[in-house]
N, C-alpha and C. Protein backbone atom coordinates (compact mmCIF):
# COMPACT_ATOMS: atom_id res chain seq x y z
N UNK A 1 -7.21 -33.21 -10.56
CA UNK A 1 -6.65 -33.67 -9.32
C UNK A 1 -6.12 -32.46 -8.54
N UNK A 2 -6.41 -32.41 -7.27
CA UNK A 2 -5.81 -31.39 -6.42
C UNK A 2 -5.02 -32.07 -5.32
N UNK A 3 -4.01 -31.40 -4.88
CA UNK A 3 -3.15 -31.95 -3.84
C UNK A 3 -3.75 -31.61 -2.48
N UNK A 4 -3.91 -32.58 -1.60
CA UNK A 4 -4.45 -32.28 -0.28
C UNK A 4 -3.50 -31.42 0.53
N UNK A 5 -4.04 -30.56 1.36
CA UNK A 5 -3.21 -29.69 2.18
C UNK A 5 -2.44 -30.50 3.21
N UNK A 6 -3.07 -31.52 3.76
CA UNK A 6 -2.41 -32.37 4.73
C UNK A 6 -1.39 -33.25 4.02
N UNK A 7 -0.16 -33.21 4.48
CA UNK A 7 0.88 -34.04 3.90
C UNK A 7 1.61 -33.40 2.73
N UNK A 8 1.22 -32.20 2.34
CA UNK A 8 1.93 -31.53 1.25
C UNK A 8 2.79 -30.41 1.83
N UNK A 9 3.71 -29.93 1.02
CA UNK A 9 4.62 -28.87 1.46
C UNK A 9 4.49 -27.68 0.53
N UNK A 10 4.68 -26.49 1.10
CA UNK A 10 4.66 -25.27 0.29
C UNK A 10 6.08 -24.89 -0.08
N UNK A 11 6.18 -24.22 -1.23
CA UNK A 11 7.47 -23.71 -1.69
C UNK A 11 7.23 -22.46 -2.51
N UNK A 12 8.11 -21.51 -2.40
CA UNK A 12 8.03 -20.26 -3.16
C UNK A 12 9.10 -20.31 -4.25
N UNK A 13 8.69 -20.20 -5.51
CA UNK A 13 9.61 -20.24 -6.65
C UNK A 13 9.30 -19.06 -7.55
N UNK A 14 10.28 -18.22 -7.79
CA UNK A 14 10.13 -17.05 -8.65
C UNK A 14 8.91 -16.20 -8.27
N UNK A 15 8.69 -16.04 -6.97
CA UNK A 15 7.60 -15.20 -6.48
C UNK A 15 6.23 -15.85 -6.45
N UNK A 16 6.12 -17.09 -6.89
CA UNK A 16 4.83 -17.79 -6.89
C UNK A 16 4.88 -18.93 -5.87
N UNK A 17 3.77 -19.14 -5.19
CA UNK A 17 3.70 -20.19 -4.18
C UNK A 17 3.10 -21.46 -4.78
N UNK A 18 3.73 -22.58 -4.47
CA UNK A 18 3.29 -23.88 -4.96
C UNK A 18 3.13 -24.83 -3.78
N UNK A 19 2.42 -25.91 -4.01
CA UNK A 19 2.28 -26.98 -3.05
C UNK A 19 2.75 -28.25 -3.75
N UNK A 20 3.54 -29.08 -3.06
CA UNK A 20 4.04 -30.30 -3.67
C UNK A 20 3.97 -31.47 -2.69
N UNK A 21 3.95 -32.67 -3.24
CA UNK A 21 3.89 -33.85 -2.40
C UNK A 21 4.42 -35.08 -3.13
N UNK A 22 4.90 -35.99 -2.34
CA UNK A 22 5.23 -37.35 -2.78
C UNK A 22 4.24 -38.23 -2.03
N UNK A 23 3.66 -39.16 -2.71
CA UNK A 23 2.71 -40.08 -2.07
C UNK A 23 3.27 -40.63 -0.77
N UNK A 24 2.46 -40.70 0.29
CA UNK A 24 2.97 -41.13 1.58
C UNK A 24 3.38 -42.60 1.61
N UNK A 25 2.72 -43.42 0.81
CA UNK A 25 3.08 -44.84 0.70
C UNK A 25 3.23 -45.20 -0.77
N UNK A 26 4.13 -46.12 -1.07
CA UNK A 26 4.29 -46.48 -2.48
C UNK A 26 3.11 -47.30 -2.99
N UNK A 27 2.84 -47.17 -4.28
CA UNK A 27 1.90 -48.09 -4.91
C UNK A 27 2.57 -49.46 -4.94
N UNK A 28 1.83 -50.49 -5.26
CA UNK A 28 2.43 -51.83 -5.30
C UNK A 28 3.59 -51.87 -6.30
N UNK A 29 3.38 -51.31 -7.49
CA UNK A 29 4.45 -51.36 -8.50
C UNK A 29 5.66 -50.53 -8.08
N UNK A 30 5.45 -49.45 -7.33
CA UNK A 30 6.58 -48.68 -6.80
C UNK A 30 7.27 -49.47 -5.69
N UNK A 31 6.51 -50.17 -4.87
CA UNK A 31 7.07 -50.94 -3.77
C UNK A 31 7.97 -52.07 -4.27
N UNK A 32 7.64 -52.65 -5.41
CA UNK A 32 8.48 -53.73 -5.94
C UNK A 32 9.47 -53.21 -6.99
N UNK A 33 9.68 -51.90 -6.98
CA UNK A 33 10.66 -51.22 -7.83
C UNK A 33 10.40 -51.44 -9.32
N UNK A 34 9.13 -51.56 -9.69
CA UNK A 34 8.77 -51.73 -11.10
C UNK A 34 8.32 -50.43 -11.74
N UNK A 35 8.03 -49.42 -10.94
CA UNK A 35 7.69 -48.11 -11.50
C UNK A 35 8.43 -47.04 -10.71
N UNK A 36 8.56 -45.89 -11.31
CA UNK A 36 9.40 -44.84 -10.78
C UNK A 36 8.71 -43.96 -9.75
N UNK A 37 9.52 -43.22 -9.04
CA UNK A 37 9.06 -42.23 -8.06
C UNK A 37 8.34 -41.10 -8.78
N UNK A 38 7.23 -40.66 -8.23
CA UNK A 38 6.47 -39.55 -8.82
C UNK A 38 6.24 -38.47 -7.77
N UNK A 39 6.13 -37.23 -8.27
CA UNK A 39 5.90 -36.06 -7.43
C UNK A 39 4.78 -35.25 -8.07
N UNK A 40 3.87 -34.73 -7.25
CA UNK A 40 2.80 -33.86 -7.75
C UNK A 40 3.05 -32.44 -7.26
N UNK A 41 2.83 -31.47 -8.15
CA UNK A 41 3.03 -30.05 -7.83
C UNK A 41 1.85 -29.28 -8.39
N UNK A 42 1.39 -28.25 -7.66
CA UNK A 42 0.35 -27.36 -8.17
C UNK A 42 0.53 -25.97 -7.57
N UNK A 43 -0.06 -24.99 -8.21
CA UNK A 43 -0.06 -23.64 -7.67
C UNK A 43 -0.84 -23.66 -6.36
N UNK A 44 -0.36 -22.94 -5.36
CA UNK A 44 -0.99 -22.97 -4.04
C UNK A 44 -2.41 -22.43 -4.04
N UNK A 45 -2.73 -21.50 -4.96
CA UNK A 45 -4.08 -20.92 -4.98
C UNK A 45 -5.11 -21.87 -5.56
N UNK A 46 -4.70 -23.02 -6.04
CA UNK A 46 -5.58 -24.07 -6.57
C UNK A 46 -6.29 -23.67 -7.85
N UNK A 47 -6.99 -24.61 -8.41
CA UNK A 47 -7.76 -24.35 -9.60
C UNK A 47 -6.96 -24.43 -10.89
N UNK A 48 -5.66 -24.62 -10.77
CA UNK A 48 -4.83 -24.68 -11.97
C UNK A 48 -4.48 -26.10 -12.35
N UNK A 49 -3.58 -26.18 -13.30
CA UNK A 49 -3.13 -27.46 -13.82
C UNK A 49 -2.13 -28.10 -12.85
N UNK A 50 -2.29 -29.38 -12.58
CA UNK A 50 -1.36 -30.10 -11.72
C UNK A 50 -0.20 -30.63 -12.55
N UNK A 51 0.98 -30.55 -11.99
CA UNK A 51 2.19 -31.09 -12.62
C UNK A 51 2.48 -32.45 -12.00
N UNK A 52 2.70 -33.44 -12.84
CA UNK A 52 3.03 -34.79 -12.39
C UNK A 52 4.43 -35.12 -12.92
N UNK A 53 5.40 -35.15 -12.01
CA UNK A 53 6.79 -35.43 -12.38
C UNK A 53 7.09 -36.91 -12.16
N UNK A 54 7.72 -37.54 -13.12
CA UNK A 54 8.18 -38.91 -12.98
C UNK A 54 9.70 -38.89 -13.02
N UNK A 55 10.32 -39.41 -11.99
CA UNK A 55 11.78 -39.40 -11.90
C UNK A 55 12.35 -40.71 -12.45
N UNK A 56 13.59 -40.67 -12.91
CA UNK A 56 14.22 -41.89 -13.44
C UNK A 56 14.85 -42.72 -12.31
N UNK A 57 14.16 -42.84 -11.20
CA UNK A 57 14.64 -43.56 -10.04
C UNK A 57 13.45 -44.15 -9.30
N UNK A 58 13.70 -45.13 -8.49
CA UNK A 58 12.63 -45.72 -7.68
C UNK A 58 12.57 -45.00 -6.33
N UNK A 59 11.55 -45.32 -5.56
CA UNK A 59 11.39 -44.75 -4.22
C UNK A 59 12.37 -45.40 -3.25
N UNK A 60 12.77 -44.67 -2.24
CA UNK A 60 13.67 -45.23 -1.22
C UNK A 60 12.99 -46.29 -0.37
N UNK A 61 11.67 -46.22 -0.25
CA UNK A 61 10.96 -47.17 0.59
C UNK A 61 10.45 -48.38 -0.20
N UNK A 62 11.14 -48.73 -1.26
CA UNK A 62 10.74 -49.92 -2.02
C UNK A 62 11.08 -51.17 -1.22
N UNK A 63 10.34 -52.25 -1.47
CA UNK A 63 10.49 -53.47 -0.69
C UNK A 63 11.73 -54.28 -1.05
N UNK A 64 12.35 -53.98 -2.17
CA UNK A 64 13.49 -54.77 -2.63
C UNK A 64 14.83 -54.16 -2.22
N UNK A 65 14.78 -53.10 -1.43
CA UNK A 65 15.98 -52.42 -0.93
C UNK A 65 16.87 -51.91 -2.04
N UNK A 66 16.26 -51.48 -3.14
CA UNK A 66 17.00 -50.86 -4.23
C UNK A 66 17.28 -49.40 -3.86
N UNK A 67 18.40 -48.84 -4.32
CA UNK A 67 18.65 -47.43 -4.02
C UNK A 67 17.59 -46.55 -4.67
N UNK A 68 17.09 -45.57 -3.93
CA UNK A 68 16.04 -44.69 -4.42
C UNK A 68 16.40 -43.23 -4.24
N UNK A 69 15.57 -42.38 -4.76
CA UNK A 69 15.83 -40.94 -4.77
C UNK A 69 15.10 -40.26 -3.61
N UNK A 70 15.76 -39.28 -3.00
CA UNK A 70 15.18 -38.46 -1.94
C UNK A 70 14.89 -37.08 -2.52
N UNK A 71 13.61 -36.73 -2.63
CA UNK A 71 13.21 -35.43 -3.19
C UNK A 71 13.29 -34.37 -2.10
N UNK A 72 13.90 -33.24 -2.43
CA UNK A 72 14.03 -32.13 -1.48
C UNK A 72 13.40 -30.88 -2.09
N UNK A 73 13.14 -29.86 -1.27
CA UNK A 73 12.63 -28.59 -1.81
C UNK A 73 13.55 -27.99 -2.88
N UNK A 74 14.85 -28.20 -2.76
CA UNK A 74 15.78 -27.70 -3.77
C UNK A 74 15.48 -28.33 -5.14
N UNK A 75 15.16 -29.61 -5.14
CA UNK A 75 14.78 -30.29 -6.39
C UNK A 75 13.53 -29.65 -6.98
N UNK A 76 12.53 -29.47 -6.15
CA UNK A 76 11.26 -28.91 -6.61
C UNK A 76 11.48 -27.51 -7.18
N UNK A 77 12.29 -26.71 -6.50
CA UNK A 77 12.58 -25.35 -6.97
C UNK A 77 13.29 -25.37 -8.32
N UNK A 78 14.03 -26.41 -8.60
CA UNK A 78 14.72 -26.52 -9.88
C UNK A 78 13.80 -27.08 -10.97
N UNK A 79 12.90 -27.98 -10.61
CA UNK A 79 12.04 -28.63 -11.60
C UNK A 79 10.85 -27.79 -12.02
N UNK A 80 10.35 -26.90 -11.16
CA UNK A 80 9.20 -26.07 -11.53
C UNK A 80 9.53 -25.19 -12.75
N UNK A 81 10.63 -24.42 -12.75
CA UNK A 81 10.95 -23.62 -13.94
C UNK A 81 11.19 -24.50 -15.18
N UNK A 82 11.73 -25.68 -14.98
CA UNK A 82 11.94 -26.61 -16.09
C UNK A 82 10.60 -27.01 -16.69
N UNK A 83 9.64 -27.33 -15.84
CA UNK A 83 8.30 -27.71 -16.32
C UNK A 83 7.61 -26.55 -17.02
N UNK A 84 7.75 -25.35 -16.48
CA UNK A 84 7.15 -24.17 -17.12
C UNK A 84 7.77 -23.96 -18.50
N UNK A 85 9.09 -24.12 -18.60
CA UNK A 85 9.77 -23.97 -19.88
C UNK A 85 9.31 -25.02 -20.90
N UNK A 86 8.83 -26.15 -20.40
CA UNK A 86 8.38 -27.22 -21.29
C UNK A 86 6.86 -27.21 -21.52
N UNK A 87 6.20 -26.15 -21.04
CA UNK A 87 4.80 -25.99 -21.37
C UNK A 87 3.79 -26.05 -20.25
N UNK A 88 4.22 -26.30 -19.01
CA UNK A 88 3.27 -26.32 -17.90
C UNK A 88 2.85 -24.89 -17.57
N UNK A 89 1.54 -24.68 -17.49
CA UNK A 89 0.99 -23.37 -17.10
C UNK A 89 0.22 -23.61 -15.80
N UNK A 90 0.86 -23.36 -14.64
CA UNK A 90 0.26 -23.70 -13.36
C UNK A 90 -1.08 -23.05 -13.08
N UNK A 91 -1.34 -21.88 -13.65
CA UNK A 91 -2.58 -21.16 -13.35
C UNK A 91 -3.71 -21.47 -14.32
N UNK A 92 -3.43 -22.21 -15.38
CA UNK A 92 -4.50 -22.53 -16.33
C UNK A 92 -5.18 -23.83 -15.94
N UNK A 93 -6.44 -23.94 -16.28
CA UNK A 93 -7.14 -25.20 -16.02
C UNK A 93 -6.79 -26.16 -17.15
N UNK A 94 -7.00 -27.40 -16.89
CA UNK A 94 -6.71 -28.39 -17.91
C UNK A 94 -6.26 -29.69 -17.29
N UNK A 95 -5.97 -30.65 -18.13
CA UNK A 95 -5.55 -31.96 -17.61
C UNK A 95 -4.17 -31.87 -16.97
N UNK A 96 -3.86 -32.88 -16.21
CA UNK A 96 -2.55 -32.96 -15.56
C UNK A 96 -1.44 -32.88 -16.59
N UNK A 97 -0.44 -32.06 -16.29
CA UNK A 97 0.73 -31.94 -17.16
C UNK A 97 1.76 -32.95 -16.68
N UNK A 98 2.13 -33.87 -17.53
CA UNK A 98 3.06 -34.93 -17.16
C UNK A 98 4.44 -34.65 -17.74
N UNK A 99 5.45 -34.76 -16.88
CA UNK A 99 6.82 -34.52 -17.30
C UNK A 99 7.70 -35.64 -16.73
N UNK A 100 8.41 -36.31 -17.61
CA UNK A 100 9.35 -37.35 -17.20
C UNK A 100 10.75 -36.75 -17.21
N UNK A 101 11.38 -36.77 -16.07
CA UNK A 101 12.72 -36.21 -15.93
C UNK A 101 13.76 -37.23 -16.39
N UNK A 102 14.92 -36.73 -16.80
CA UNK A 102 16.02 -37.60 -17.22
C UNK A 102 17.05 -37.70 -16.12
N UNK A 103 17.99 -38.61 -16.26
CA UNK A 103 19.08 -38.75 -15.29
C UNK A 103 19.83 -37.43 -15.11
N UNK A 104 20.00 -36.69 -16.20
CA UNK A 104 20.73 -35.42 -16.14
C UNK A 104 19.98 -34.34 -15.35
N UNK A 105 18.68 -34.52 -15.15
CA UNK A 105 17.86 -33.51 -14.47
C UNK A 105 17.64 -33.79 -12.99
N UNK A 106 18.25 -34.86 -12.49
CA UNK A 106 18.18 -35.14 -11.06
C UNK A 106 19.59 -35.10 -10.48
N UNK A 107 19.68 -34.94 -9.18
CA UNK A 107 20.96 -34.85 -8.50
C UNK A 107 21.39 -36.25 -8.06
N UNK A 108 22.45 -36.82 -8.63
CA UNK A 108 22.85 -38.17 -8.28
C UNK A 108 23.25 -38.32 -6.81
N UNK A 109 23.55 -37.22 -6.15
CA UNK A 109 23.90 -37.27 -4.73
C UNK A 109 22.70 -37.61 -3.85
N UNK A 110 21.48 -37.51 -4.39
CA UNK A 110 20.29 -37.76 -3.59
C UNK A 110 19.77 -39.18 -3.73
N UNK A 111 20.50 -40.02 -4.46
CA UNK A 111 20.13 -41.43 -4.54
C UNK A 111 20.68 -42.09 -3.29
N UNK A 112 19.80 -42.73 -2.54
CA UNK A 112 20.19 -43.32 -1.25
C UNK A 112 19.76 -44.78 -1.18
N UNK A 113 20.56 -45.55 -0.46
CA UNK A 113 20.17 -46.92 -0.16
C UNK A 113 19.17 -46.88 0.98
N UNK A 114 18.16 -47.72 0.97
CA UNK A 114 17.18 -47.74 2.07
C UNK A 114 17.88 -47.94 3.42
N UNK A 115 17.44 -47.17 4.39
CA UNK A 115 18.00 -47.26 5.74
C UNK A 115 19.27 -46.45 5.94
N UNK A 116 19.86 -45.93 4.85
CA UNK A 116 21.08 -45.13 4.99
C UNK A 116 20.70 -43.71 5.38
N UNK A 117 21.47 -43.10 6.27
CA UNK A 117 21.21 -41.75 6.76
C UNK A 117 21.34 -40.76 5.72
């Protein structure tokens, strides 16, 4: 899987450039708050292993108005080294590297109620 350039964001972490994205619309199970928010990350030069992060929170745009998480570049900059420490090699080819984050690895200040500023 590669991340499309349209709709993704670039970030520089420890001298390496990455591209990351959150799906523009929730899947049905995400919309009904039955599955968690996911983020995809890959090295910007492509051809490497994609990182698939699963957060212990739902999306903010869920249909049930449950509080959800807002992912920021600061989060991504913190999670990339964590994923590398746990075995993700962004420049190697291979299957998607999946990492499920814990409550302790997300910022509780970024949990927002839908519609809240």
